[in-house]
Amino acid sequence: MANLFNFKPGLTATKPEKKIHSTAIVFIFITLTIDVIGFGLIIPVMPKLIATLKNISIRQASLWGGYLLTVYAIMQIAFSLLIRNLSDKYGMRPIILIALLGFFADYMFPRLGNEKTCT
């Protein structure tokens, strides 16, 4: 009864540990910081921005903002499967760099507009 899963104490498999380079950790933390800063900038102003753009109340704009964030979360889950498969095929580094290029474009394209083109 003590050996339910055919566990033999002397035959444990050990995997060689991979050493994570400090530059990789710094790169990951910088990436996460940029992403969190983006959320920190948009979430507080999103209801007022939506209310202004759609000419609706703040209450309705908050609901629309909640819907947008929900769809964003669902899309992150759905496309994480695609990103995982791509990173298995092409490697993690090129996929992360392409994703960062997308983040860069996401933050820079609104900067290229001006007040006259946005209203």
Foldseek 3Di string as FASTA:
>chain_A
DVCPPVDDVVDDDDDDDDDDDPVVVVVVVVVVVLVVVVCVVCVVCQLVVQCVVVVHDSVVSVVVVVVVVVVVVVVCVVCVVVLVVVCVVPNNVVSVVVVVVVVVCVVCVVVPDDPVVVD
